[in-house]
Amino acid sequence: MTKHYLNYLTEVMNHQWNDAALTDYNENHEYTFGELAIEMLRLHMLFEQMGIKPGDKIALAGRNCANWAVAYLAIAAYEGVCVSILQDFTAEDISHLLEHSDSELLFVGPYVWKELQHQTLPAKLKAALSLEDWRTLYIAQGQEVPTKEQIDKLFKTKYPQGIEPEDIYFSADVQKLSLINYTSGSTGSPKGVMLNGRSISNNIEIGMKILPVEPGQRLVSMLPLAHMFGQVCELLYPLCAGTHIYFLTKSPTPSILLKALDEVQPYLVVTVPLVIEKIYKTKLDPMLSKRVIRAFWYTPIISSILKSRVKSGLRKAFGGKLRYFICGGAAMNPIVEKCLMDIHFPLSIGYGMTECGPLIGGNPPKYFKARTGGVPVMGMDVKIDNPNEAGIGEILVKGENVMLGYYKNPDATNAAFTEDGWLRTGDLGRLDKKKNIYIKGRCKTMFLGASGQNIYPEEIEDKLNNQEAVGESLIVEREGKLVALVFPDETLTKRMSLEQIQELMKANLAKLNSLIPSYSKVSNIEVQEKPFEKTPKRSIKRFLYK
């Protein structure tokens, strides 16, 4: 039986009562584990006074901050259902999702509320509270929200001697619905992924097993907490192991991020490939491209000294105490990945999806195999559906992490599962003999060549992204031909004219086509004037481009 993650959190609170737990970076706002426990109990009193019952839906929409984590954990320990909504959705979409989810209470950040307050809020929503300080921003007609003073009085009545570590015990039923996470904000039939405590708790146990933590270690949270990757890997797993988490409460510039990493000195960095790829292009590539460096890169003795220095410099850029560097959400540039593995950087790339809360595949860095998403994690089975002669087919999964379904969307739920209960990931891939997962692309993005060959645009993009001055690229199909859309690397092309960039891309096209099979050759490269629009995972929104 899976142990609920709240039990792990209770144990940490008992042993690290006075240790720092949650801090808003560069702001005077911090909770110790003891203060976190007390604030959760105070919110429970607020829920009770408002007539909110276990099983009711409570929404969260705001930027990363300590109070986001407090509200989330309070909802979970109350056995409410947290509705996590990405703060980047439009105000109209957020209002729609509040209605669709049947949310009765909303914790909201100032960035979101600035626009949301002008929307018509659902009739079922009783109130909206600020994530800055819990103050009431909105009350529905006929509702009441207790004041801070009223909660103080209730707290003193219930706990006249105050709270001690041994008084704390948080738990919940692992089988009950715990979270509804929306994968998009679109209207129509939204996909609200329903996850129970078992799924989330198993994900956390996997994190503890693959990436062991020492109490008191520190981490910088930079990924959106409303996204499952950030929620589990940058909040729940590390916190339940005694980590002190620093939240970047504003969209971080590269200078702010590097400053935070230098000051916090995290044991773990969780990010998307785009971050390390930018660092590689600006910091490592200019150095590694030098003729003398290339000459000695594989020379015995000198090579090990050289690679050790490169690794040390990169670790220092991430604070100097880095033990694990975990990427997910998209494929990494193969040249960047190979460089990191050459220098024995503690890299691991996982594989997952929101519907699995999110982990499907992973490995500790020392067992990670290049170009894979790891092996199936604890409690998960993976198989390939209807593989072709190369062993490639749709990746199907089953196990502890799999969702209960989509909230109020039975058609989408039925379409997501096979008749015998396997979840369709929508990803194409293959497994090797050791069960390493190789992801080849999305089922919906695969092109069929003129002679019936399967063409995976992601593989072409990997090669194109390694060409000179290519920042990012996207392969599309037009009238049976493949066309590459490219946004140039502005650090290398800022002094070039459009004509010069286009000439360079012609050379890149010739080189690209020499590296790929004839049936997948690209007919043209089109230069984009603006960066591609991205998802929260920083992957390109393919559906916007044709």
Protein backbone atom coordinates (compact mmCIF):
# COMPACT_ATOMS: atom_id res chain seq x y z
CA MET A 1 0.00 0.00 0.00
CA THR A 2 1.39 3.38 -1.00
CA LYS A 3 2.21 5.63 1.96
CA HIS A 4 0.56 9.04 1.66
CA TYR A 5 3.05 11.84 1.16
CA LEU A 6 1.43 13.79 4.01
CA ASN A 7 2.78 11.11 6.37
CA TYR A 8 6.30 11.85 5.12
CA LEU A 9 5.66 15.56 5.61
CA THR A 10 4.43 14.97 9.18
CA GLU A 11 7.63 13.06 10.01
CA VAL A 12 9.76 15.89 8.63
CA MET A 13 7.77 18.46 10.62
CA ASN A 14 8.27 16.44 13.81
CA HIS A 15 12.06 16.28 13.33
CA GLN A 16 12.76 19.65 11.65
CA TRP A 17 10.22 21.86 13.43
CA ASN A 18 12.48 24.92 13.63
CA ASP A 19 14.25 24.41 10.29
CA ALA A 20 13.46 26.69 7.34
CA ALA A 21 11.06 25.07 4.85
CA LEU A 22 9.70 27.68 2.42
CA THR A 23 11.23 31.03 1.44
CA ASP A 24 10.26 33.62 -1.13
CA TYR A 25 13.63 34.51 -2.65
CA ASN A 26 14.61 38.18 -2.23
CA GLU A 27 11.49 38.79 -0.12
CA ASN A 28 11.00 38.88 3.63
CA HIS A 29 8.66 35.89 3.76
CA GLU A 30 9.66 32.51 5.18
CA TYR A 31 8.11 29.53 6.95
CA THR A 32 9.84 26.99 9.16
CA PHE A 33 8.36 23.48 9.08
CA GLY A 34 6.60 24.28 12.34
CA GLU A 35 5.15 27.52 11.01
CA LEU A 36 4.01 25.67 7.88
CA ALA A 37 2.12 23.15 10.03
CA ILE A 38 0.45 25.89 12.08
CA GLU A 39 -0.55 27.87 8.97
CA MET A 40 -2.10 24.73 7.47
CA LEU A 41 -4.19 24.25 10.64
CA ARG A 42 -5.30 27.90 10.53
CA LEU A 43 -6.47 27.46 6.93
CA HIS A 44 -8.37 24.34 8.00
CA MET A 45 -10.25 26.50 10.48
CA LEU A 46 -11.04 28.98 7.72
CA PHE A 47 -12.37 26.18 5.52
CA GLU A 48 -14.58 24.90 8.35
CA GLN A 49 -15.98 28.35 9.10
CA MET A 50 -16.85 28.83 5.42
CA GLY A 51 -18.72 25.53 5.28
CA ILE A 52 -16.22 23.89 2.95
CA LYS A 53 -16.18 20.11 3.37
CA PRO A 54 -13.64 17.39 2.54
CA GLY A 55 -14.04 16.55 -1.14
CA ASP A 56 -14.95 20.12 -2.11
CA LYS A 57 -12.89 21.81 -4.83
CA ILE A 58 -10.50 24.64 -3.96
CA ALA A 59 -8.61 26.37 -6.78
CA LEU A 60 -5.10 27.79 -6.89
CA ALA A 61 -4.02 30.30 -9.55
CA GLY A 62 -0.90 32.37 -9.07
CA ARG A 63 2.84 32.60 -9.50
CA ASN A 64 5.19 30.45 -7.45
CA CYS A 65 5.44 31.55 -3.83
CA ALA A 66 5.55 30.09 -0.34
CA ASN A 67 1.84 30.71 0.22
CA TRP A 68 1.01 28.75 -2.94
CA ALA A 69 2.69 25.76 -1.29
CA VAL A 70 0.97 26.40 2.07
CA ALA A 71 -2.48 26.59 0.46
CA TYR A 72 -1.85 23.46 -1.62
CA LEU A 73 -0.74 21.41 1.38
CA ALA A 74 -3.58 22.72 3.54
CA ILE A 75 -6.12 21.64 0.91
CA ALA A 76 -4.53 18.17 0.66
CA ALA A 77 -4.43 17.66 4.44
CA TYR A 78 -8.08 18.78 4.70
CA GLU A 79 -8.90 16.12 2.08
CA GLY A 80 -10.20 18.80 -0.22
CA VAL A 81 -9.55 18.62 -3.95
CA CYS A 82 -6.99 21.11 -5.19
CA VAL A 83 -7.65 22.59 -8.63
CA SER A 84 -4.28 23.84 -9.88
CA ILE A 85 -4.61 26.35 -12.71
CA LEU A 86 -1.66 27.77 -14.61
CA GLN A 87 -1.35 31.48 -13.95
CA ASP A 88 -0.48 32.10 -17.62
CA PHE A 89 -3.99 31.17 -18.79
CA THR A 90 -6.19 34.09 -19.82
CA ALA A 91 -8.59 35.52 -17.25
CA GLU A 92 -11.52 34.32 -19.36
CA ASP A 93 -10.14 30.78 -19.44
CA ILE A 94 -9.45 30.79 -15.69
CA SER A 95 -13.03 31.87 -14.99
CA HIS A 96 -14.26 29.07 -17.26
CA LEU A 97 -12.09 26.49 -15.48
CA LEU A 98 -13.31 27.65 -12.07
CA GLU A 99 -16.84 26.95 -13.25
CA HIS A 100 -15.99 23.65 -14.94
CA SER A 101 -14.16 22.38 -11.84
CA ASP A 102 -16.99 23.34 -9.44
CA SER A 103 -14.49 25.29 -7.32
CA GLU A 104 -15.95 26.79 -4.15
CA LEU A 105 -12.92 28.80 -3.06
CA LEU A 106 -10.04 30.42 -4.94
CA PHE A 107 -6.55 31.32 -3.77
CA VAL A 108 -5.24 33.80 -6.31
CA GLY A 109 -2.08 35.80 -6.94
CA PRO A 110 -2.08 39.54 -7.72
CA TYR A 111 -0.88 39.02 -11.30
CA VAL A 112 -3.91 36.81 -12.04
CA TRP A 113 -6.44 38.79 -10.00
CA LYS A 114 -5.60 42.02 -11.84
CA GLU A 115 -7.46 40.65 -14.89
CA LEU A 116 -9.70 38.01 -13.30
CA GLN A 117 -11.55 40.54 -11.12
CA HIS A 118 -13.16 41.94 -14.27
CA GLN A 119 -14.64 38.56 -15.23
CA THR A 120 -18.01 37.18 -14.17
CA LEU A 121 -17.09 34.59 -11.54
CA PRO A 122 -19.02 31.30 -11.21
CA ALA A 123 -22.08 31.26 -8.94
CA LYS A 124 -20.66 28.33 -6.96
CA LEU A 125 -17.50 30.25 -5.99
CA LYS A 126 -17.88 31.48 -2.42
CA ALA A 127 -14.81 33.70 -2.19
CA ALA A 128 -11.39 34.57 -3.57
CA LEU A 129 -8.44 35.01 -1.17
CA SER A 130 -5.10 36.64 -1.87
CA LEU A 131 -1.99 34.45 -2.05
CA GLU A 132 -0.01 37.40 -0.74
CA ASP A 133 -1.57 37.54 2.75
CA TRP A 134 -4.89 35.60 2.69
CA ARG A 135 -6.95 38.80 2.62
CA THR A 136 -10.40 38.55 1.04
CA LEU A 137 -10.59 39.86 -2.53
CA TYR A 138 -14.10 38.70 -3.39
CA ILE A 139 -17.12 37.39 -1.46
CA ALA A 140 -20.23 35.99 -3.12
CA GLN A 141 -23.56 37.38 -1.99
CA GLY A 142 -24.73 35.77 1.24
CA GLN A 143 -21.29 34.35 2.10
CA GLU A 144 -18.95 35.23 4.96
CA VAL A 145 -15.18 34.88 5.32
CA PRO A 146 -13.73 34.89 8.86
CA THR A 147 -11.22 37.62 9.63
CA LYS A 148 -7.67 37.01 10.80
CA GLU A 149 -8.72 38.07 14.31
CA GLN A 150 -11.58 35.54 14.33
CA ILE A 151 -9.21 32.75 13.24
CA ASP A 152 -6.72 33.82 15.96
CA LYS A 153 -9.46 33.53 18.58
CA LEU A 154 -10.60 30.11 17.33
CA PHE A 155 -7.02 28.88 17.25
CA LYS A 156 -6.35 29.93 20.86
CA THR A 157 -9.56 28.26 21.98
CA LYS A 158 -8.73 24.98 20.27
CA TYR A 159 -5.00 25.02 21.14
CA PRO A 160 -4.70 26.97 24.44
CA GLN A 161 -1.20 25.59 25.06
CA GLY A 162 -0.06 26.24 21.50
CA ILE A 163 1.18 23.61 19.05
CA GLU A 164 4.11 21.26 19.62
CA PRO A 165 5.69 18.96 17.00
CA GLU A 166 4.12 15.87 18.56
CA ASP A 167 0.65 17.45 18.14
CA ILE A 168 0.95 17.35 14.34
CA TYR A 169 -0.38 14.50 12.26
CA PHE A 170 -1.42 15.06 8.66
CA SER A 171 -2.77 12.24 6.51
CA ALA A 172 -5.37 11.45 3.86
CA ASP A 173 -6.86 8.50 1.98
CA VAL A 174 -4.53 7.68 -0.91
CA GLN A 175 -7.43 6.37 -3.00
CA LYS A 176 -9.45 9.59 -2.89
CA LEU A 177 -9.32 12.29 -5.56
CA SER A 178 -6.72 14.84 -4.47
CA LEU A 179 -6.00 17.04 -7.48
CA ILE A 180 -7.53 18.27 -10.72
CA ASN A 181 -4.82 19.63 -13.02
CA TYR A 182 -5.87 21.31 -16.25
CA THR A 183 -3.64 20.63 -19.24
CA SER A 184 -4.97 23.66 -21.12
CA GLY A 185 -7.25 26.62 -20.55
CA SER A 186 -9.31 26.21 -23.70
CA THR A 187 -13.10 26.37 -23.61
CA GLY A 188 -15.29 23.53 -24.85
CA SER A 189 -14.43 20.28 -23.09
CA PRO A 190 -11.37 20.98 -20.92
CA LYS A 191 -9.12 18.13 -19.84
CA GLY A 192 -8.92 18.32 -16.07
CA VAL A 193 -6.62 15.45 -15.11
CA MET A 194 -7.88 13.75 -11.95
CA LEU A 195 -5.10 12.40 -9.71
CA ASN A 196 -5.60 10.65 -6.39
CA GLY A 197 -3.26 10.60 -3.42
CA ARG A 198 -1.77 7.30 -4.57
CA SER A 199 -0.51 8.77 -7.84
CA ILE A 200 1.06 11.83 -6.24
CA SER A 201 2.51 9.88 -3.31
CA ASN A 202 4.04 7.24 -5.56
CA ASN A 203 5.66 9.99 -7.62
CA ILE A 204 7.18 11.42 -4.43
CA GLU A 205 8.49 8.03 -3.31
CA ILE A 206 10.10 7.61 -6.73
CA GLY A 207 11.84 10.97 -6.31
CA MET A 208 13.15 9.99 -2.88
CA LYS A 209 14.45 6.69 -4.25
CA ILE A 210 16.09 8.01 -7.42
CA LEU A 211 17.38 11.29 -5.93
CA PRO A 212 18.06 10.83 -2.19
CA VAL A 213 17.99 14.02 -0.13
CA GLU A 214 19.75 15.03 3.08
CA PRO A 215 17.57 17.13 5.42
CA GLY A 216 18.36 20.81 5.23
CA GLN A 217 19.56 20.79 1.63
CA ARG A 218 18.29 23.62 -0.54
CA LEU A 219 16.55 24.02 -3.88
CA VAL A 220 15.45 26.87 -6.16
CA SER A 221 11.91 26.45 -7.51
CA MET A 222 11.68 27.96 -11.00
CA LEU A 223 9.16 25.78 -12.90
CA PRO A 224 5.41 26.59 -12.62
CA LEU A 225 3.98 24.86 -9.55
CA ALA A 226 0.66 24.45 -11.35
CA HIS A 227 2.45 22.13 -13.77
CA MET A 228 2.98 18.58 -12.48
CA PHE A 229 6.71 18.55 -13.28
CA GLY A 230 7.36 21.56 -11.03
CA GLN A 231 4.73 20.58 -8.47
CA VAL A 232 6.19 17.15 -7.75
CA CYS A 233 9.89 17.65 -8.48
CA GLU A 234 10.39 21.16 -7.07
CA LEU A 235 7.90 21.16 -4.19
CA LEU A 236 6.39 17.93 -2.92
CA TYR A 237 9.23 15.41 -3.23
CA PRO A 238 11.98 17.70 -1.87
CA LEU A 239 9.81 19.18 0.90
CA CYS A 240 8.73 15.74 2.12
CA ALA A 241 12.43 14.87 2.41
CA GLY A 242 13.29 17.94 4.50
CA THR A 243 14.52 20.32 1.80
CA HIS A 244 14.48 24.12 2.19
CA ILE A 245 12.79 25.50 -0.94
CA TYR A 246 13.37 29.00 -2.34
CA PHE A 247 10.68 30.30 -4.72
CA LEU A 248 11.43 32.70 -7.55
CA THR A 249 8.24 34.74 -7.24
CA LYS A 250 8.74 36.68 -10.47
CA SER A 251 9.63 35.55 -13.97
CA PRO A 252 13.40 35.20 -13.57
CA THR A 253 15.85 36.91 -15.89
CA PRO A 254 19.07 34.94 -16.53
CA SER A 255 20.95 37.27 -14.15
CA ILE A 256 18.41 36.80 -11.31
CA LEU A 257 18.40 33.03 -11.82
CA LEU A 258 22.21 32.78 -11.75
CA LYS A 259 22.32 35.02 -8.68
CA ALA A 260 19.75 32.83 -6.90
CA LEU A 261 21.63 29.65 -7.78
CA ASP A 262 24.89 31.17 -6.55
CA GLU A 263 23.37 32.24 -3.21
CA VAL A 264 21.12 29.22 -2.53
CA GLN A 265 23.62 26.58 -3.75
CA PRO A 266 20.96 23.93 -4.52
CA TYR A 267 21.64 20.19 -4.38
CA LEU A 268 19.22 19.70 -7.28
CA VAL A 269 18.28 21.68 -10.38
CA VAL A 270 15.07 20.71 -12.15
CA THR A 271 14.56 22.36 -15.49
CA VAL A 272 13.68 22.01 -19.15
CA PRO A 273 16.34 21.40 -21.82
CA LEU A 274 16.04 24.94 -23.19
CA VAL A 275 17.80 26.35 -20.10
CA ILE A 276 20.91 24.18 -20.31
CA GLU A 277 20.97 24.48 -24.11
CA LYS A 278 21.17 28.29 -23.80
CA ILE A 279 23.97 28.00 -21.26
CA TYR A 280 25.78 25.59 -23.57
CA LYS A 281 25.50 27.93 -26.56
CA THR A 282 26.64 31.02 -24.66
CA LYS A 283 29.21 29.55 -22.25
CA LEU A 284 30.48 26.16 -23.43
CA ASP A 285 30.19 26.09 -27.23
CA PRO A 286 32.51 29.09 -27.84
CA MET A 287 35.19 27.41 -25.72
CA LEU A 288 34.68 23.86 -27.00
CA SER A 289 34.77 25.08 -30.61
CA LYS A 290 38.37 26.23 -30.29
CA ARG A 291 40.73 24.08 -32.33
CA VAL A 292 43.09 23.37 -29.45
CA ILE A 293 40.23 22.25 -27.17
CA ARG A 294 38.81 19.95 -29.85
CA ALA A 295 42.27 18.46 -30.41
CA PHE A 296 42.71 17.52 -26.74
CA TRP A 297 39.06 16.59 -25.95
CA TYR A 298 39.70 12.87 -26.51
CA THR A 299 43.44 12.80 -25.73
CA PRO A 300 44.23 10.50 -22.76
CA ILE A 301 45.16 12.22 -19.46
CA ILE A 302 44.79 15.75 -20.91
CA SER A 303 41.18 14.95 -21.81
CA SER A 304 40.26 13.95 -18.24
CA ILE A 305 41.84 17.14 -16.84
CA LEU A 306 40.07 19.28 -19.43
CA LYS A 307 36.67 17.66 -18.89
CA SER A 308 37.03 17.88 -15.12
CA ARG A 309 37.60 21.65 -15.38
CA VAL A 310 34.61 22.10 -17.68
CA LYS A 311 32.42 20.10 -15.27
CA SER A 312 33.67 22.10 -12.29
CA GLY A 313 32.94 25.39 -14.04
CA LEU A 314 29.42 24.28 -14.98
CA ARG A 315 28.68 23.03 -11.44
CA LYS A 316 29.88 26.39 -10.11
CA ALA A 317 27.41 28.16 -12.42
CA PHE A 318 24.63 26.21 -10.66
CA GLY A 319 25.83 27.10 -7.16
CA GLY A 320 28.70 24.66 -6.62
CA LYS A 321 26.84 21.99 -4.60
CA LEU A 322 24.88 20.38 -7.42
CA ARG A 323 24.33 16.61 -7.08
CA TYR A 324 21.54 16.09 -9.62
CA PHE A 325 20.58 17.93 -12.81
CA ILE A 326 17.17 16.72 -13.98
CA CYS A 327 15.56 17.66 -17.30
CA GLY A 328 12.14 16.87 -18.67
CA GLY A 329 9.30 18.17 -20.79
CA ALA A 330 11.12 17.97 -24.13
CA ALA A 331 14.02 16.26 -25.88
CA MET A 332 17.50 17.66 -25.29
CA ASN A 333 19.80 18.69 -28.13
CA PRO A 334 21.95 15.56 -28.70
CA ILE A 335 25.22 17.53 -28.92
CA VAL A 336 24.50 19.24 -25.59
CA GLU A 337 23.52 15.91 -24.04
CA LYS A 338 26.70 14.21 -25.31
CA CYS A 339 28.89 17.02 -23.94
CA LEU A 340 27.26 16.75 -20.50
CA MET A 341 27.75 13.00 -20.46
CA ASP A 342 31.36 13.32 -21.67
CA ILE A 343 32.19 15.46 -18.64
CA HIS A 344 30.18 13.15 -16.30
CA PHE A 345 27.77 15.92 -15.36
CA PRO A 346 25.02 14.53 -13.02
CA LEU A 347 22.42 14.59 -15.79
CA SER A 348 19.23 12.57 -16.02
CA ILE A 349 16.35 13.11 -18.43
CA GLY A 350 12.99 11.77 -17.36
CA TYR A 351 9.82 10.94 -19.25
CA GLY A 352 6.32 11.68 -18.12
CA MET A 353 2.98 13.34 -18.65
CA THR A 354 0.41 15.15 -16.53
CA GLU A 355 -1.84 12.08 -16.67
CA CYS A 356 0.79 10.15 -14.70
CA GLY A 357 1.39 12.86 -12.15
CA PRO A 358 3.92 13.05 -14.04
CA LEU A 359 6.55 10.27 -13.92
CA ILE A 360 6.68 7.35 -16.33
CA GLY A 361 10.43 6.89 -16.83
CA GLY A 362 13.57 7.98 -15.01
CA ASN A 363 16.97 6.95 -13.69
CA PRO A 364 19.61 8.22 -11.26
CA PRO A 365 22.29 10.12 -13.21
CA LYS A 366 24.85 7.32 -12.88
CA TYR A 367 22.51 4.89 -14.69
CA PHE A 368 21.11 7.33 -17.25
CA LYS A 369 21.50 6.26 -20.89
CA ALA A 370 21.79 8.92 -23.59
CA ARG A 371 18.79 9.69 -25.83
CA THR A 372 16.35 7.95 -23.49
CA GLY A 373 13.73 8.94 -20.95
CA GLY A 374 15.04 6.40 -18.46
CA VAL A 375 13.45 3.08 -17.54
CA PRO A 376 9.89 2.61 -16.19
CA VAL A 377 9.77 3.96 -12.65
CA MET A 378 8.60 2.05 -9.59
CA GLY A 379 4.96 0.97 -9.89
CA MET A 380 4.71 1.61 -13.64
CA ASP A 381 4.60 -0.75 -16.63
CA VAL A 382 5.37 0.36 -20.18
CA LYS A 383 4.76 -1.42 -23.47
CA ILE A 384 4.79 -0.55 -27.18
CA ASP A 385 1.53 -0.88 -29.07
CA ASN A 386 1.64 -2.41 -32.56
CA PRO A 387 5.39 -1.83 -33.14
CA ASN A 388 6.74 -1.55 -36.70
CA GLU A 389 9.83 -3.34 -38.02
CA ALA A 390 12.04 -0.92 -36.06
CA GLY A 391 10.15 -1.65 -32.83
CA ILE A 392 8.46 1.76 -32.85
CA GLY A 393 4.84 2.19 -31.86
CA GLU A 394 2.67 4.14 -29.43
CA ILE A 395 3.88 4.04 -25.83
CA LEU A 396 1.23 2.61 -23.49
CA VAL A 397 1.48 2.75 -19.69
CA LYS A 398 -0.27 1.22 -16.69
CA GLY A 399 0.36 1.48 -12.95
CA GLU A 400 0.24 3.40 -9.68
CA ASN A 401 0.75 6.85 -11.21
CA VAL A 402 -2.01 6.73 -13.83
CA MET A 403 -4.87 9.22 -13.53
CA LEU A 404 -8.45 8.41 -12.58
CA GLY A 405 -9.64 10.14 -15.77
CA TYR A 406 -10.61 13.61 -17.00
CA TYR A 407 -13.03 15.56 -14.82
CA LYS A 408 -16.54 15.65 -16.30
CA ASN A 409 -15.19 14.49 -19.65
CA PRO A 410 -16.05 10.78 -20.13
CA ASP A 411 -15.49 10.86 -23.90
CA ALA A 412 -11.89 12.05 -23.50
CA THR A 413 -11.35 9.56 -20.65
CA ASN A 414 -12.59 6.63 -22.74
CA ALA A 415 -10.43 7.71 -25.69
CA ALA A 416 -7.35 7.87 -23.44
CA PHE A 417 -7.47 4.19 -22.45
CA THR A 418 -7.36 0.91 -24.35
CA GLU A 419 -10.08 -1.67 -23.72
CA ASP A 420 -7.77 -3.55 -21.34
CA GLY A 421 -6.90 -0.46 -19.28
CA TRP A 422 -3.61 0.83 -20.71
CA LEU A 423 -3.20 4.61 -20.93
CA ARG A 424 -2.37 5.90 -24.40
CA THR A 425 0.46 8.43 -24.10
CA GLY A 426 0.20 9.71 -27.66
CA ASP A 427 3.99 9.33 -27.90
CA LEU A 428 5.84 7.12 -30.35
CA GLY A 429 8.80 5.19 -29.04
CA ARG A 430 10.59 1.91 -28.53
CA LEU A 431 12.13 -0.06 -25.65
CA ASP A 432 15.57 -1.66 -25.59
CA LYS A 433 16.41 -4.92 -23.81
CA LYS A 434 16.94 -3.09 -20.51
CA LYS A 435 13.57 -1.29 -20.84
CA ASN A 436 15.13 2.10 -21.61
CA ILE A 437 12.46 4.28 -23.24
CA TYR A 438 13.39 5.92 -26.54
CA ILE A 439 10.89 8.62 -27.55
CA LYS A 440 10.69 9.16 -31.30
CA GLY A 441 7.96 11.78 -31.45
CA ARG A 442 4.26 12.36 -31.07
CA CYS A 443 1.71 10.21 -32.86
CA LYS A 444 0.02 13.37 -34.10
CA THR A 445 3.23 14.94 -35.44
CA MET A 446 4.56 11.95 -37.38
CA PHE A 447 4.51 12.39 -41.16
CA LEU A 448 4.06 9.54 -43.63
CA GLY A 449 6.56 9.66 -46.49
CA ALA A 450 5.63 9.18 -50.15
CA SER A 451 6.75 5.53 -50.01
CA GLY A 452 5.16 4.84 -46.64
CA GLN A 453 8.16 5.68 -44.45
CA ASN A 454 7.55 7.09 -40.97
CA ILE A 455 9.13 10.55 -40.64
CA TYR A 456 9.65 11.93 -37.14
CA PRO A 457 10.04 15.74 -37.29
CA GLU A 458 11.69 15.85 -33.86
CA GLU A 459 14.66 13.87 -35.20
CA ILE A 460 15.15 16.33 -38.07
CA GLU A 461 14.83 19.28 -35.70
CA ASP A 462 17.55 17.80 -33.46
CA LYS A 463 20.00 17.89 -36.38
CA LEU A 464 18.88 21.31 -37.61
CA ASN A 465 19.22 22.88 -34.16
CA ASN A 466 22.92 21.99 -34.24
CA GLN A 467 23.54 24.05 -37.40
CA GLU A 468 25.14 27.47 -37.27
CA ALA A 469 23.01 30.31 -35.89
CA VAL A 470 19.87 28.16 -35.47
CA GLY A 471 18.14 29.10 -32.22
CA GLU A 472 15.14 26.77 -32.52
CA SER A 473 13.28 25.08 -35.32
CA LEU A 474 10.06 23.37 -36.30
CA ILE A 475 9.39 21.00 -39.21
CA VAL A 476 6.00 21.29 -40.92
CA GLU A 477 4.48 19.54 -43.93
CA ARG A 478 3.11 21.50 -46.88
CA GLU A 479 1.65 19.81 -49.95
CA GLY A 480 3.70 16.69 -49.37
CA LYS A 481 6.97 18.55 -48.76
CA LEU A 482 8.81 19.22 -45.50
CA VAL A 483 9.58 22.84 -44.63
CA ALA A 484 11.74 24.02 -41.73
CA LEU A 485 10.72 27.09 -39.75
CA VAL A 486 13.73 28.59 -37.96
CA PHE A 487 14.10 31.32 -35.38
CA PRO A 488 17.78 32.36 -35.50
CA ASP A 489 20.09 32.53 -32.50
CA GLU A 490 20.02 36.27 -31.87
CA THR A 491 23.34 36.26 -30.01
CA LEU A 492 25.02 35.17 -33.25
CA THR A 493 22.90 37.03 -35.82
CA LYS A 494 22.23 40.42 -34.21
CA ARG A 495 24.72 42.14 -36.54
CA MET A 496 23.62 40.25 -39.66
CA SER A 497 21.11 41.44 -42.23
CA LEU A 498 18.08 39.31 -43.14
CA GLU A 499 19.73 38.51 -46.50
CA GLN A 500 22.89 37.27 -44.76
CA ILE A 501 20.84 35.11 -42.39
CA GLN A 502 18.91 33.62 -45.31
CA GLU A 503 22.16 32.79 -47.12
CA LEU A 504 23.44 31.10 -44.01
CA MET A 505 20.23 29.08 -43.77
CA LYS A 506 20.66 27.90 -47.35
CA ALA A 507 24.02 26.46 -46.34
CA ASN A 508 22.41 24.92 -43.26
CA LEU A 509 19.73 23.34 -45.46
CA ALA A 510 22.33 21.65 -47.65
CA LYS A 511 24.19 20.35 -44.61
CA LEU A 512 20.98 19.16 -42.96
CA ASN A 513 19.88 17.20 -46.01
CA SER A 514 23.25 15.48 -46.15
CA LEU A 515 22.64 14.14 -42.63
CA ILE A 516 19.13 12.68 -43.07
CA PRO A 517 17.57 9.97 -45.29
CA SER A 518 16.44 11.00 -48.75
CA TYR A 519 12.76 10.34 -47.93
CA SER A 520 12.86 12.97 -45.14
CA LYS A 521 14.75 15.74 -46.94
CA VAL A 522 13.66 19.32 -46.21
CA SER A 523 12.71 21.48 -49.19
CA ASN A 524 13.21 24.92 -47.67
CA ILE A 525 14.08 26.90 -44.52
CA GLU A 526 11.88 29.86 -43.62
CA VAL A 527 13.27 32.40 -41.15
CA GLN A 528 10.85 33.42 -38.38
CA GLU A 529 10.90 36.99 -37.09
CA LYS A 530 9.64 36.11 -33.61
CA PRO A 531 10.39 33.25 -31.18
CA PHE A 532 7.97 30.32 -31.34
CA GLU A 533 5.13 30.38 -28.82
CA LYS A 534 5.80 27.94 -25.99
CA THR A 535 3.92 25.73 -23.56
CA PRO A 536 4.68 25.95 -19.80
CA LYS A 537 7.26 23.18 -20.39
CA ARG A 538 8.98 25.51 -22.90
CA SER A 539 8.21 23.22 -25.83
CA ILE A 540 6.90 24.77 -29.04
CA LYS A 541 3.13 24.95 -29.55
CA ARG A 542 3.23 22.97 -32.80
CA PHE A 543 -0.47 23.34 -33.53
CA LEU A 544 -0.01 27.08 -34.16
CA TYR A 545 2.33 26.56 -37.11
CA LYS A 546 1.66 25.20 -40.57
